[in-house]
Amino acid sequence: MALHMCRSEGLADVVALLCTTNEAFDRVAMHGTRNAILRAQAAATGLPLIEVPLPWPCANEDYEARMASAMDQVRALGVETMVFGDLFLQDVRDYRIAQLAPLGVTALFPLWGRATDELAREIIALGFEAHLVTVDPAKLDPSFAGRKFDAQLLADLPEGVDQCGENGEFHTAVSAGPIFDAPLNVEVGETVLRDGFAYADLSLS
């Protein structure tokens, strides 16, 4: 949605995507999505992808060292601004700004402060299609893993669960929407419990 806003409202000329991955499992860090889907998503946006492979487990020192190396690639592109999809977590916002400041790169938050219930409905209305690929069982029942992010899901979310998952209740993988030149065909596989989270396996079909 942040990319869509940048493009549709002319907020930034986005030239690349950046994503951390788990080098031990060939998947996106935190989300657990297969790297094959990540690369297909990037290709569908028409943007180059900068992957930041992280070790597993990953200490914060390792994370910051790998990100520093990736930022060398970012700066080589002449990038002056990095775009983030954060909504309201002030500590996360402050961290991003502080990390970028020494590099002379500013942070842009197109979605900041949006009411998440309204934003969730707008995302669906715009034609975005996504599935919940990671669920925190401490905040949401694992049965939600693998479900499509749609109006029925929003209606079924328990009270207190953010409708965009901004408190870490869930993470999604997008397979269609106005940012893609064509939708991705995906299949939902089994859900596994690992390291305190429920992961639904999504694969390209």
N, C-alpha and C. Protein backbone atom coordinates (compact mmCIF):
# COMPACT_ATOMS: atom_id res chain seq x y z
N MET A 1 0.83 -1.20 0.00
CA MET A 1 0.00 0.00 0.00
C MET A 1 0.87 1.26 0.00
N ALA A 2 2.00 1.20 0.70
CA ALA A 2 2.92 2.34 0.71
C ALA A 2 3.46 2.58 -0.70
N LEU A 3 3.80 1.50 -1.41
CA LEU A 3 4.28 1.64 -2.78
C LEU A 3 3.18 2.21 -3.67
N HIS A 4 1.97 1.72 -3.49
CA HIS A 4 0.84 2.22 -4.29
C HIS A 4 0.65 3.72 -4.09
N MET A 5 0.73 4.16 -2.85
CA MET A 5 0.55 5.59 -2.57
C MET A 5 1.67 6.42 -3.18
N CYS A 6 2.90 5.91 -3.10
CA CYS A 6 4.02 6.64 -3.69
C CYS A 6 3.82 6.82 -5.18
N ARG A 7 3.35 5.76 -5.82
CA ARG A 7 3.15 5.82 -7.27
C ARG A 7 1.92 6.65 -7.66
N SER A 8 0.82 6.41 -6.99
CA SER A 8 -0.43 7.06 -7.40
C SER A 8 -0.49 8.53 -7.01
N GLU A 9 0.20 8.90 -5.93
CA GLU A 9 0.15 10.28 -5.45
C GLU A 9 1.45 11.03 -5.73
N GLY A 10 2.40 10.37 -6.38
CA GLY A 10 3.65 11.03 -6.72
C GLY A 10 4.49 11.41 -5.51
N LEU A 11 4.40 10.64 -4.43
CA LEU A 11 5.14 10.96 -3.21
C LEU A 11 6.63 10.70 -3.35
N ALA A 12 6.99 9.71 -4.19
CA ALA A 12 8.40 9.36 -4.38
C ALA A 12 8.53 8.56 -5.67
N ASP A 13 9.68 8.69 -6.28
CA ASP A 13 10.01 7.89 -7.46
C ASP A 13 10.75 6.65 -6.98
N VAL A 14 10.01 5.58 -6.76
CA VAL A 14 10.60 4.37 -6.18
C VAL A 14 11.43 3.65 -7.24
N VAL A 15 12.70 3.35 -6.89
CA VAL A 15 13.63 2.76 -7.86
C VAL A 15 14.04 1.33 -7.50
N ALA A 16 13.73 0.88 -6.29
CA ALA A 16 14.11 -0.48 -5.89
C ALA A 16 13.34 -0.88 -4.63
N LEU A 17 13.31 -2.18 -4.38
CA LEU A 17 12.73 -2.74 -3.17
C LEU A 17 13.85 -3.35 -2.33
N LEU A 18 13.68 -3.35 -1.02
CA LEU A 18 14.66 -3.95 -0.12
C LEU A 18 13.94 -4.84 0.88
N CYS A 19 14.46 -6.05 1.08
CA CYS A 19 13.81 -6.99 2.01
C CYS A 19 14.85 -7.88 2.67
N THR A 20 14.69 -8.11 3.97
CA THR A 20 15.56 -9.04 4.68
C THR A 20 15.05 -10.46 4.51
N THR A 21 15.97 -11.41 4.38
CA THR A 21 15.62 -12.82 4.23
C THR A 21 16.40 -13.66 5.24
N ASN A 22 15.92 -14.85 5.46
CA ASN A 22 16.57 -15.80 6.36
C ASN A 22 17.39 -16.76 5.50
N GLU A 23 18.72 -16.63 5.55
CA GLU A 23 19.56 -17.41 4.65
C GLU A 23 19.57 -18.90 4.99
N ALA A 24 19.15 -19.24 6.20
CA ALA A 24 19.14 -20.66 6.59
C ALA A 24 17.95 -21.40 6.00
N PHE A 25 16.85 -20.68 5.73
CA PHE A 25 15.61 -21.33 5.28
C PHE A 25 15.13 -20.87 3.91
N ASP A 26 15.87 -19.95 3.28
CA ASP A 26 15.49 -19.45 1.96
C ASP A 26 14.09 -18.84 2.00
N ARG A 27 13.84 -18.09 3.04
CA ARG A 27 12.53 -17.45 3.21
C ARG A 27 12.70 -16.02 3.71
N VAL A 28 11.63 -15.25 3.62
CA VAL A 28 11.64 -13.88 4.11
C VAL A 28 11.73 -13.89 5.63
N ALA A 29 12.60 -13.06 6.17
CA ALA A 29 12.73 -12.97 7.63
C ALA A 29 11.40 -12.51 8.23
N MET A 30 11.04 -13.05 9.37
CA MET A 30 9.80 -12.76 10.10
C MET A 30 8.56 -13.34 9.42
N HIS A 31 8.33 -13.04 8.16
CA HIS A 31 7.11 -13.52 7.49
C HIS A 31 7.15 -15.01 7.18
N GLY A 32 8.34 -15.53 6.90
CA GLY A 32 8.46 -16.94 6.55
C GLY A 32 8.03 -17.26 5.13
N THR A 33 7.77 -16.24 4.31
CA THR A 33 7.37 -16.46 2.92
C THR A 33 8.56 -16.94 2.10
N ARG A 34 8.30 -17.88 1.18
CA ARG A 34 9.37 -18.38 0.32
C ARG A 34 10.01 -17.24 -0.48
N ASN A 35 11.33 -17.29 -0.63
CA ASN A 35 12.01 -16.27 -1.43
C ASN A 35 11.54 -16.27 -2.88
N ALA A 36 11.08 -17.42 -3.36
CA ALA A 36 10.57 -17.48 -4.73
C ALA A 36 9.37 -16.55 -4.90
N ILE A 37 8.53 -16.47 -3.89
CA ILE A 37 7.38 -15.56 -3.95
C ILE A 37 7.85 -14.12 -3.85
N LEU A 38 8.79 -13.85 -2.95
CA LEU A 38 9.34 -12.50 -2.82
C LEU A 38 9.87 -12.01 -4.17
N ARG A 39 10.62 -12.86 -4.85
CA ARG A 39 11.21 -12.46 -6.14
C ARG A 39 10.14 -12.29 -7.21
N ALA A 40 9.10 -13.11 -7.16
CA ALA A 40 8.00 -12.96 -8.11
C ALA A 40 7.23 -11.66 -7.83
N GLN A 41 7.07 -11.31 -6.57
CA GLN A 41 6.42 -10.05 -6.22
C GLN A 41 7.21 -8.87 -6.79
N ALA A 42 8.53 -8.89 -6.58
CA ALA A 42 9.38 -7.81 -7.08
C ALA A 42 9.28 -7.70 -8.60
N ALA A 43 9.33 -8.84 -9.27
CA ALA A 43 9.24 -8.83 -10.74
C ALA A 43 7.91 -8.25 -11.19
N ALA A 44 6.84 -8.54 -10.46
CA ALA A 44 5.51 -8.05 -10.83
C ALA A 44 5.38 -6.54 -10.63
N THR A 45 6.21 -5.98 -9.75
CA THR A 45 6.19 -4.52 -9.56
C THR A 45 7.06 -3.81 -10.60
N GLY A 46 7.92 -4.59 -11.28
CA GLY A 46 8.83 -3.99 -12.25
C GLY A 46 10.02 -3.31 -11.61
N LEU A 47 10.28 -3.64 -10.34
CA LEU A 47 11.38 -3.00 -9.61
C LEU A 47 12.47 -4.01 -9.26
N PRO A 48 13.74 -3.59 -9.26
CA PRO A 48 14.81 -4.47 -8.81
C PRO A 48 14.70 -4.72 -7.31
N LEU A 49 15.19 -5.87 -6.88
CA LEU A 49 15.09 -6.27 -5.47
C LEU A 49 16.49 -6.37 -4.85
N ILE A 50 16.68 -5.70 -3.74
CA ILE A 50 17.91 -5.83 -2.95
C ILE A 50 17.59 -6.76 -1.79
N GLU A 51 18.14 -7.96 -1.81
CA GLU A 51 17.91 -8.91 -0.73
C GLU A 51 19.01 -8.76 0.32
N VAL A 52 18.60 -8.82 1.58
CA VAL A 52 19.55 -8.73 2.69
C VAL A 52 19.47 -10.05 3.47
N PRO A 53 20.32 -11.05 3.11
CA PRO A 53 20.27 -12.33 3.80
C PRO A 53 20.80 -12.21 5.23
N LEU A 54 20.02 -12.70 6.18
CA LEU A 54 20.41 -12.66 7.59
C LEU A 54 20.70 -14.06 8.11
N PRO A 55 21.67 -14.19 9.02
CA PRO A 55 21.94 -15.50 9.62
C PRO A 55 20.81 -15.89 10.55
N TRP A 56 20.76 -17.18 10.90
CA TRP A 56 19.75 -17.66 11.86
C TRP A 56 20.42 -18.52 12.91
N PRO A 57 20.28 -18.18 14.21
CA PRO A 57 19.61 -16.98 14.71
C PRO A 57 20.39 -15.71 14.38
N CYS A 58 19.72 -14.58 14.52
CA CYS A 58 20.33 -13.31 14.12
C CYS A 58 20.36 -12.33 15.28
N ALA A 59 21.56 -12.02 15.74
CA ALA A 59 21.72 -11.02 16.79
C ALA A 59 21.55 -9.63 16.18
N ASN A 60 21.22 -8.65 16.99
CA ASN A 60 21.01 -7.30 16.48
C ASN A 60 22.27 -6.75 15.81
N GLU A 61 23.43 -7.15 16.34
CA GLU A 61 24.70 -6.69 15.75
C GLU A 61 24.84 -7.23 14.32
N ASP A 62 24.44 -8.50 14.13
CA ASP A 62 24.50 -9.09 12.79
C ASP A 62 23.54 -8.36 11.84
N TYR A 63 22.34 -8.09 12.36
CA TYR A 63 21.34 -7.40 11.55
C TYR A 63 21.87 -6.05 11.09
N GLU A 64 22.41 -5.28 12.01
CA GLU A 64 22.85 -3.94 11.65
C GLU A 64 24.05 -3.97 10.70
N ALA A 65 24.93 -4.98 10.85
CA ALA A 65 26.08 -5.10 9.95
C ALA A 65 25.63 -5.45 8.54
N ARG A 66 24.67 -6.38 8.41
CA ARG A 66 24.17 -6.77 7.09
C ARG A 66 23.41 -5.60 6.45
N MET A 67 22.65 -4.87 7.26
CA MET A 67 21.90 -3.74 6.72
C MET A 67 22.85 -2.63 6.27
N ALA A 68 23.93 -2.45 6.98
CA ALA A 68 24.91 -1.42 6.59
C ALA A 68 25.49 -1.74 5.22
N SER A 69 25.76 -3.03 4.98
CA SER A 69 26.28 -3.44 3.69
C SER A 69 25.25 -3.21 2.59
N ALA A 70 23.99 -3.54 2.89
CA ALA A 70 22.91 -3.34 1.91
C ALA A 70 22.73 -1.86 1.59
N MET A 71 22.92 -1.02 2.59
CA MET A 71 22.74 0.41 2.37
C MET A 71 23.80 0.98 1.44
N ASP A 72 24.94 0.31 1.34
CA ASP A 72 25.94 0.72 0.35
C ASP A 72 25.36 0.58 -1.06
N GLN A 73 24.61 -0.52 -1.28
CA GLN A 73 23.95 -0.72 -2.57
C GLN A 73 22.87 0.34 -2.79
N VAL A 74 22.13 0.64 -1.74
CA VAL A 74 21.06 1.62 -1.83
C VAL A 74 21.62 2.99 -2.20
N ARG A 75 22.68 3.38 -1.54
CA ARG A 75 23.25 4.71 -1.79
C ARG A 75 23.88 4.78 -3.18
N ALA A 76 24.37 3.63 -3.66
CA ALA A 76 24.95 3.60 -5.01
C ALA A 76 23.91 3.91 -6.08
N LEU A 77 22.63 3.71 -5.73
CA LEU A 77 21.54 4.01 -6.66
C LEU A 77 21.15 5.49 -6.62
N GLY A 78 21.80 6.24 -5.74
CA GLY A 78 21.48 7.65 -5.60
C GLY A 78 20.23 7.90 -4.78
N VAL A 79 19.84 6.92 -3.98
CA VAL A 79 18.62 7.03 -3.18
C VAL A 79 18.79 8.07 -2.07
N GLU A 80 17.79 8.93 -1.94
CA GLU A 80 17.79 9.95 -0.90
C GLU A 80 16.73 9.68 0.17
N THR A 81 15.77 8.80 -0.16
CA THR A 81 14.65 8.54 0.74
C THR A 81 14.34 7.05 0.76
N MET A 82 14.02 6.51 1.94
CA MET A 82 13.53 5.14 2.04
C MET A 82 12.09 5.19 2.54
N VAL A 83 11.24 4.39 1.92
CA VAL A 83 9.81 4.37 2.23
C VAL A 83 9.49 3.17 3.12
N PHE A 84 8.70 3.42 4.15
CA PHE A 84 8.28 2.37 5.08
C PHE A 84 6.76 2.37 5.22
N GLY A 85 6.20 1.20 5.50
CA GLY A 85 4.75 1.08 5.63
C GLY A 85 4.24 1.14 7.05
N ASP A 86 5.06 1.60 7.98
CA ASP A 86 4.64 1.66 9.39
C ASP A 86 3.43 2.56 9.57
N LEU A 87 2.60 2.20 10.56
CA LEU A 87 1.35 2.90 10.78
C LEU A 87 1.34 3.74 12.05
N PHE A 88 1.81 3.14 13.18
CA PHE A 88 1.72 3.93 14.41
C PHE A 88 2.73 3.55 15.49
N LEU A 89 3.65 2.67 15.24
CA LEU A 89 4.61 2.28 16.27
C LEU A 89 5.75 3.30 16.31
N GLN A 90 5.67 4.23 17.25
CA GLN A 90 6.61 5.36 17.30
C GLN A 90 8.05 4.91 17.51
N ASP A 91 8.26 3.86 18.35
CA ASP A 91 9.64 3.41 18.60
C ASP A 91 10.28 2.86 17.33
N VAL A 92 9.49 2.17 16.51
CA VAL A 92 10.00 1.64 15.24
C VAL A 92 10.34 2.79 14.29
N ARG A 93 9.46 3.76 14.22
CA ARG A 93 9.70 4.93 13.37
C ARG A 93 10.98 5.65 13.78
N ASP A 94 11.13 5.87 15.09
CA ASP A 94 12.31 6.58 15.59
C ASP A 94 13.59 5.81 15.28
N TYR A 95 13.54 4.48 15.39
CA TYR A 95 14.71 3.65 15.10
C TYR A 95 15.11 3.79 13.63
N ARG A 96 14.14 3.71 12.75
CA ARG A 96 14.44 3.81 11.32
C ARG A 96 15.08 5.17 10.99
N ILE A 97 14.51 6.23 11.52
CA ILE A 97 15.03 7.57 11.26
C ILE A 97 16.46 7.70 11.78
N ALA A 98 16.70 7.17 12.98
CA ALA A 98 18.03 7.27 13.59
C ALA A 98 19.07 6.49 12.80
N GLN A 99 18.69 5.32 12.27
CA GLN A 99 19.63 4.50 11.51
C GLN A 99 19.98 5.14 10.17
N LEU A 100 19.02 5.84 9.57
CA LEU A 100 19.24 6.43 8.25
C LEU A 100 19.94 7.78 8.30
N ALA A 101 19.77 8.49 9.41
CA ALA A 101 20.29 9.85 9.50
C ALA A 101 21.79 9.97 9.19
N PRO A 102 22.65 9.10 9.75
CA PRO A 102 24.08 9.22 9.45
C PRO A 102 24.42 8.99 7.98
N LEU A 103 23.51 8.35 7.25
CA LEU A 103 23.75 8.05 5.84
C LEU A 103 23.24 9.17 4.93
N GLY A 104 22.59 10.16 5.54
CA GLY A 104 22.04 11.24 4.74
C GLY A 104 20.78 10.83 3.99
N VAL A 105 20.12 9.78 4.48
CA VAL A 105 18.88 9.28 3.85
C VAL A 105 17.71 9.60 4.78
N THR A 106 16.64 10.12 4.23
CA THR A 106 15.46 10.42 5.03
C THR A 106 14.45 9.28 4.93
N ALA A 107 13.57 9.20 5.91
CA ALA A 107 12.55 8.15 5.94
C ALA A 107 11.19 8.76 5.61
N LEU A 108 10.43 8.07 4.78
CA LEU A 108 9.10 8.51 4.39
C LEU A 108 8.08 7.47 4.84
N PHE A 109 7.03 7.91 5.50
CA PHE A 109 6.00 7.01 6.03
C PHE A 109 4.63 7.42 5.47
N PRO A 110 4.30 6.97 4.27
CA PRO A 110 3.05 7.41 3.61
C PRO A 110 1.77 7.02 4.35
N LEU A 111 1.84 5.95 5.16
CA LEU A 111 0.62 5.45 5.81
C LEU A 111 0.51 5.90 7.26
N TRP A 112 1.48 6.66 7.73
CA TRP A 112 1.57 6.98 9.15
C TRP A 112 0.31 7.68 9.65
N GLY A 113 -0.22 7.17 10.76
CA GLY A 113 -1.36 7.80 11.41
C GLY A 113 -2.71 7.44 10.84
N ARG A 114 -2.73 6.61 9.77
CA ARG A 114 -4.02 6.22 9.20
C ARG A 114 -4.78 5.32 10.17
N ALA A 115 -6.09 5.49 10.24
CA ALA A 115 -6.92 4.59 11.03
C ALA A 115 -6.87 3.21 10.39
N THR A 116 -6.41 2.21 11.13
CA THR A 116 -6.14 0.93 10.50
C THR A 116 -7.38 0.17 10.04
N ASP A 117 -8.52 0.41 10.70
CA ASP A 117 -9.74 -0.26 10.23
C ASP A 117 -10.16 0.29 8.87
N GLU A 118 -10.04 1.60 8.69
CA GLU A 118 -10.37 2.21 7.39
C GLU A 118 -9.35 1.80 6.34
N LEU A 119 -8.08 1.77 6.72
CA LEU A 119 -7.02 1.42 5.78
C LEU A 119 -7.19 -0.02 5.30
N ALA A 120 -7.53 -0.93 6.20
CA ALA A 120 -7.72 -2.33 5.83
C ALA A 120 -8.82 -2.47 4.78
N ARG A 121 -9.91 -1.75 4.97
CA ARG A 121 -11.01 -1.82 4.00
C ARG A 121 -10.62 -1.19 2.66
N GLU A 122 -9.83 -0.13 2.72
CA GLU A 122 -9.38 0.52 1.48
C GLU A 122 -8.46 -0.41 0.69
N ILE A 123 -7.58 -1.10 1.39
CA ILE A 123 -6.67 -2.04 0.74
C ILE A 123 -7.45 -3.09 -0.04
N ILE A 124 -8.49 -3.64 0.58
CA ILE A 124 -9.31 -4.65 -0.07
C ILE A 124 -10.07 -4.06 -1.25
N ALA A 125 -10.62 -2.84 -1.06
CA ALA A 125 -11.40 -2.19 -2.11
C ALA A 125 -10.54 -1.88 -3.34
N LEU A 126 -9.25 -1.63 -3.13
CA LEU A 126 -8.35 -1.32 -4.24
C LEU A 126 -7.97 -2.56 -5.06
N GLY A 127 -8.35 -3.73 -4.56
CA GLY A 127 -8.07 -4.95 -5.30
C GLY A 127 -6.83 -5.70 -4.85
N PHE A 128 -6.26 -5.29 -3.74
CA PHE A 128 -5.14 -6.06 -3.20
C PHE A 128 -5.65 -7.42 -2.71
N GLU A 129 -4.89 -8.45 -3.02
CA GLU A 129 -5.18 -9.79 -2.49
C GLU A 129 -3.97 -10.26 -1.70
N ALA A 130 -4.22 -10.78 -0.52
CA ALA A 130 -3.13 -11.23 0.35
C ALA A 130 -3.63 -12.36 1.24
N HIS A 131 -2.68 -13.10 1.79
CA HIS A 131 -2.99 -14.16 2.75
C HIS A 131 -2.19 -13.93 4.02
N LEU A 132 -2.76 -14.31 5.15
CA LEU A 132 -2.03 -14.27 6.40
C LEU A 132 -1.03 -15.42 6.39
N VAL A 133 0.25 -15.10 6.44
CA VAL A 133 1.28 -16.14 6.37
C VAL A 133 1.97 -16.37 7.71
N THR A 134 1.85 -15.41 8.62
CA THR A 134 2.42 -15.56 9.96
C THR A 134 1.40 -15.06 10.97
N VAL A 135 1.17 -15.84 12.01
CA VAL A 135 0.25 -15.46 13.08
C VAL A 135 0.94 -15.66 14.41
N ASP A 136 0.80 -14.69 15.30
CA ASP A 136 1.31 -14.82 16.67
C ASP A 136 0.20 -15.44 17.52
N PRO A 137 0.34 -16.71 17.91
CA PRO A 137 -0.73 -17.39 18.66
C PRO A 137 -1.06 -16.73 20.00
N ALA A 138 -0.14 -15.91 20.52
CA ALA A 138 -0.41 -15.22 21.77
C ALA A 138 -1.42 -14.09 21.57
N LYS A 139 -1.63 -13.70 20.30
CA LYS A 139 -2.51 -12.58 20.01
C LYS A 139 -3.70 -12.96 19.13
N LEU A 140 -3.55 -14.07 18.38
CA LEU A 140 -4.58 -14.47 17.43
C LEU A 140 -4.53 -15.98 17.24
N ASP A 141 -5.68 -16.61 17.13
CA ASP A 141 -5.72 -18.07 17.00
C ASP A 141 -4.97 -18.51 15.74
N PRO A 142 -4.14 -19.57 15.84
CA PRO A 142 -3.37 -20.06 14.69
C PRO A 142 -4.22 -20.44 13.48
N SER A 143 -5.52 -20.68 13.69
CA SER A 143 -6.39 -21.06 12.58
C SER A 143 -6.53 -19.94 11.55
N PHE A 144 -6.15 -18.73 11.92
CA PHE A 144 -6.20 -17.62 10.98
C PHE A 144 -5.06 -17.68 9.97
N ALA A 145 -4.01 -18.43 10.26
CA ALA A 145 -2.89 -18.56 9.32
C ALA A 145 -3.37 -19.20 8.02
N GLY A 146 -3.02 -18.59 6.92
CA GLY A 146 -3.42 -19.10 5.61
C GLY A 146 -4.68 -18.47 5.07
N ARG A 147 -5.41 -17.75 5.91
CA ARG A 147 -6.67 -17.16 5.44
C ARG A 147 -6.42 -15.96 4.54
N LYS A 148 -7.36 -15.73 3.64
CA LYS A 148 -7.29 -14.58 2.75
C LYS A 148 -7.63 -13.31 3.53
N PHE A 149 -6.91 -12.24 3.22
CA PHE A 149 -7.17 -10.95 3.85
C PHE A 149 -8.33 -10.29 3.11
N ASP A 150 -9.53 -10.49 3.63
CA ASP A 150 -10.72 -9.97 2.97
C ASP A 150 -11.72 -9.47 4.02
N ALA A 151 -12.89 -9.05 3.55
CA ALA A 151 -13.89 -8.47 4.45
C ALA A 151 -14.33 -9.48 5.51
N GLN A 152 -14.43 -10.75 5.14
CA GLN A 152 -14.84 -11.77 6.11
C GLN A 152 -13.79 -11.93 7.20
N LEU A 153 -12.52 -11.88 6.81
CA LEU A 153 -11.46 -11.96 7.81
C LEU A 153 -11.56 -10.80 8.79
N LEU A 154 -11.74 -9.59 8.26
CA LEU A 154 -11.84 -8.42 9.14
C LEU A 154 -12.99 -8.58 10.12
N ALA A 155 -14.10 -9.13 9.64
CA ALA A 155 -15.26 -9.33 10.50
C ALA A 155 -14.99 -10.37 11.58
N ASP A 156 -14.14 -11.33 11.27
CA ASP A 156 -13.86 -12.43 12.20
C ASP A 156 -12.76 -12.14 13.20
N LEU A 157 -11.98 -11.08 12.98
CA LEU A 157 -10.89 -10.77 13.90
C LEU A 157 -11.45 -10.42 15.28
N PRO A 158 -10.89 -11.00 16.33
CA PRO A 158 -11.38 -10.70 17.69
C PRO A 158 -11.15 -9.23 18.05
N GLU A 159 -11.93 -8.76 18.97
CA GLU A 159 -11.76 -7.39 19.46
C GLU A 159 -10.36 -7.22 20.04
N GLY A 160 -9.73 -6.11 19.73
CA GLY A 160 -8.39 -5.86 20.26
C GLY A 160 -7.28 -6.22 19.29
N VAL A 161 -7.61 -6.96 18.24
CA VAL A 161 -6.62 -7.31 17.21
C VAL A 161 -6.65 -6.23 16.13
N ASP A 162 -5.50 -5.62 15.88
CA ASP A 162 -5.45 -4.56 14.87
C ASP A 162 -5.77 -5.13 13.50
N GLN A 163 -6.59 -4.44 12.73
CA GLN A 163 -7.06 -4.98 11.45
C GLN A 163 -5.98 -4.98 10.37
N CYS A 164 -4.88 -4.30 10.63
CA CYS A 164 -3.72 -4.38 9.74
C CYS A 164 -2.58 -5.16 10.38
N GLY A 165 -2.82 -5.74 11.54
CA GLY A 165 -1.78 -6.54 12.21
C GLY A 165 -0.59 -5.72 12.66
N GLU A 166 -0.79 -4.44 12.92
CA GLU A 166 0.35 -3.56 13.20
C GLU A 166 1.03 -3.84 14.52
N ASN A 167 0.33 -4.51 15.43
CA ASN A 167 0.95 -4.88 16.71
C ASN A 167 1.63 -6.25 16.66
N GLY A 168 1.82 -6.76 15.44
CA GLY A 168 2.48 -8.04 15.29
C GLY A 168 1.55 -9.23 15.36
N GLU A 169 0.24 -8.99 15.34
CA GLU A 169 -0.71 -10.10 15.41
C GLU A 169 -0.56 -11.04 14.22
N PHE A 170 -0.30 -10.46 13.03
CA PHE A 170 -0.13 -11.28 11.83
C PHE A 170 0.68 -10.52 10.79
N HIS A 171 1.21 -11.27 9.84
CA HIS A 171 1.89 -10.71 8.68
C HIS A 171 1.27 -11.33 7.43
N THR A 172 1.32 -10.60 6.34
CA THR A 172 0.67 -11.08 5.11
C THR A 172 1.66 -11.16 3.95
N ALA A 173 1.25 -11.87 2.91
CA ALA A 173 1.97 -11.91 1.64
C ALA A 173 0.98 -11.52 0.55
N VAL A 174 1.33 -10.50 -0.22
CA VAL A 174 0.44 -9.98 -1.26
C VAL A 174 0.65 -10.75 -2.56
N SER A 175 -0.45 -11.11 -3.21
CA SER A 175 -0.34 -11.85 -4.47
C SER A 175 -1.00 -11.12 -5.65
N ALA A 176 -1.72 -10.03 -5.37
CA ALA A 176 -2.34 -9.27 -6.46
C ALA A 176 -2.64 -7.87 -5.97
N GLY A 177 -2.80 -6.95 -6.92
CA GLY A 177 -3.13 -5.58 -6.55
C GLY A 177 -2.61 -4.59 -7.57
N PRO A 178 -2.92 -3.32 -7.38
CA PRO A 178 -2.55 -2.30 -8.36
C PRO A 178 -1.05 -2.05 -8.48
N ILE A 179 -0.25 -2.59 -7.59
CA ILE A 179 1.20 -2.43 -7.71
C ILE A 179 1.82 -3.47 -8.64
N PHE A 180 1.05 -4.51 -9.00
CA PHE A 180 1.56 -5.59 -9.84
C PHE A 180 1.09 -5.45 -11.28
N ASP A 181 1.93 -5.85 -12.23
CA ASP A 181 1.48 -5.85 -13.62
C ASP A 181 0.65 -7.08 -13.94
N ALA A 182 0.71 -8.09 -13.08
CA ALA A 182 -0.13 -9.29 -13.22
C ALA A 182 -0.16 -9.98 -11.85
N PRO A 183 -1.28 -10.63 -11.52
CA PRO A 183 -1.36 -11.32 -10.23
C PRO A 183 -0.46 -12.55 -10.18
N LEU A 184 -0.08 -12.93 -8.97
CA LEU A 184 0.67 -14.17 -8.77
C LEU A 184 -0.33 -15.27 -8.45
N ASN A 185 -0.14 -16.44 -9.02
CA ASN A 185 -0.98 -17.58 -8.69
C ASN A 185 -0.32 -18.32 -7.52
N VAL A 186 -1.00 -18.33 -6.38
CA VAL A 186 -0.43 -18.93 -5.19
C VAL A 186 -1.36 -19.98 -4.61
N GLU A 187 -0.77 -20.92 -3.90
CA GLU A 187 -1.51 -21.96 -3.20
C GLU A 187 -1.12 -21.94 -1.72
N VAL A 188 -2.10 -22.15 -0.87
CA VAL A 188 -1.85 -22.21 0.57
C VAL A 188 -1.60 -23.65 0.98
N GLY A 189 -0.45 -23.90 1.58
CA GLY A 189 -0.11 -25.24 2.03
C GLY A 189 -0.37 -25.42 3.52
N GLU A 190 0.41 -26.26 4.14
CA GLU A 190 0.20 -26.57 5.55
C GLU A 190 0.66 -25.43 6.46
N THR A 191 0.11 -25.41 7.65
CA THR A 191 0.53 -24.46 8.69
C THR A 191 1.35 -25.20 9.72
N VAL A 192 2.49 -24.62 10.09
CA VAL A 192 3.36 -25.23 11.09
C VAL A 192 3.59 -24.24 12.23
N LEU A 193 3.75 -24.76 13.42
CA LEU A 193 4.10 -23.95 14.58
C LEU A 193 5.61 -24.04 14.78
N ARG A 194 6.27 -22.88 14.76
CA ARG A 194 7.72 -22.87 14.88
C ARG A 194 8.17 -21.58 15.56
N ASP A 195 9.02 -21.72 16.57
CA ASP A 195 9.59 -20.57 17.27
C ASP A 195 8.51 -19.61 17.79
N GLY A 196 7.40 -20.19 18.23
CA GLY A 196 6.36 -19.37 18.84
C GLY A 196 5.40 -18.71 17.87
N PHE A 197 5.48 -19.06 16.58
CA PHE A 197 4.57 -18.48 15.59
C PHE A 197 3.95 -19.58 14.72
N ALA A 198 2.79 -19.26 14.14
CA ALA A 198 2.14 -20.17 13.20
C ALA A 198 2.42 -19.65 11.79
N TYR A 199 3.05 -20.49 10.97
CA TYR A 199 3.40 -20.12 9.61
C TYR A 199 2.60 -20.93 8.61
N ALA A 200 1.90 -20.22 7.72
CA ALA A 200 1.19 -20.89 6.62
C ALA A 200 2.09 -20.83 5.40
N ASP A 201 2.34 -21.99 4.80
CA ASP A 201 3.25 -22.06 3.66
C ASP A 201 2.53 -21.68 2.38
N LEU A 202 2.99 -20.64 1.75
CA LEU A 202 2.44 -20.18 0.47
C LEU A 202 3.42 -20.54 -0.64
N SER A 203 2.93 -21.07 -1.74
CA SER A 203 3.82 -21.41 -2.85
C SER A 203 3.21 -20.95 -4.17
N LEU A 204 4.06 -20.77 -5.15
CA LEU A 204 3.59 -20.41 -6.49
C LEU A 204 2.97 -21.62 -7.16
N SER A 205 1.84 -21.44 -7.83
CA SER A 205 1.19 -22.58 -8.49
C SER A 205 1.31 -22.44 -10.00
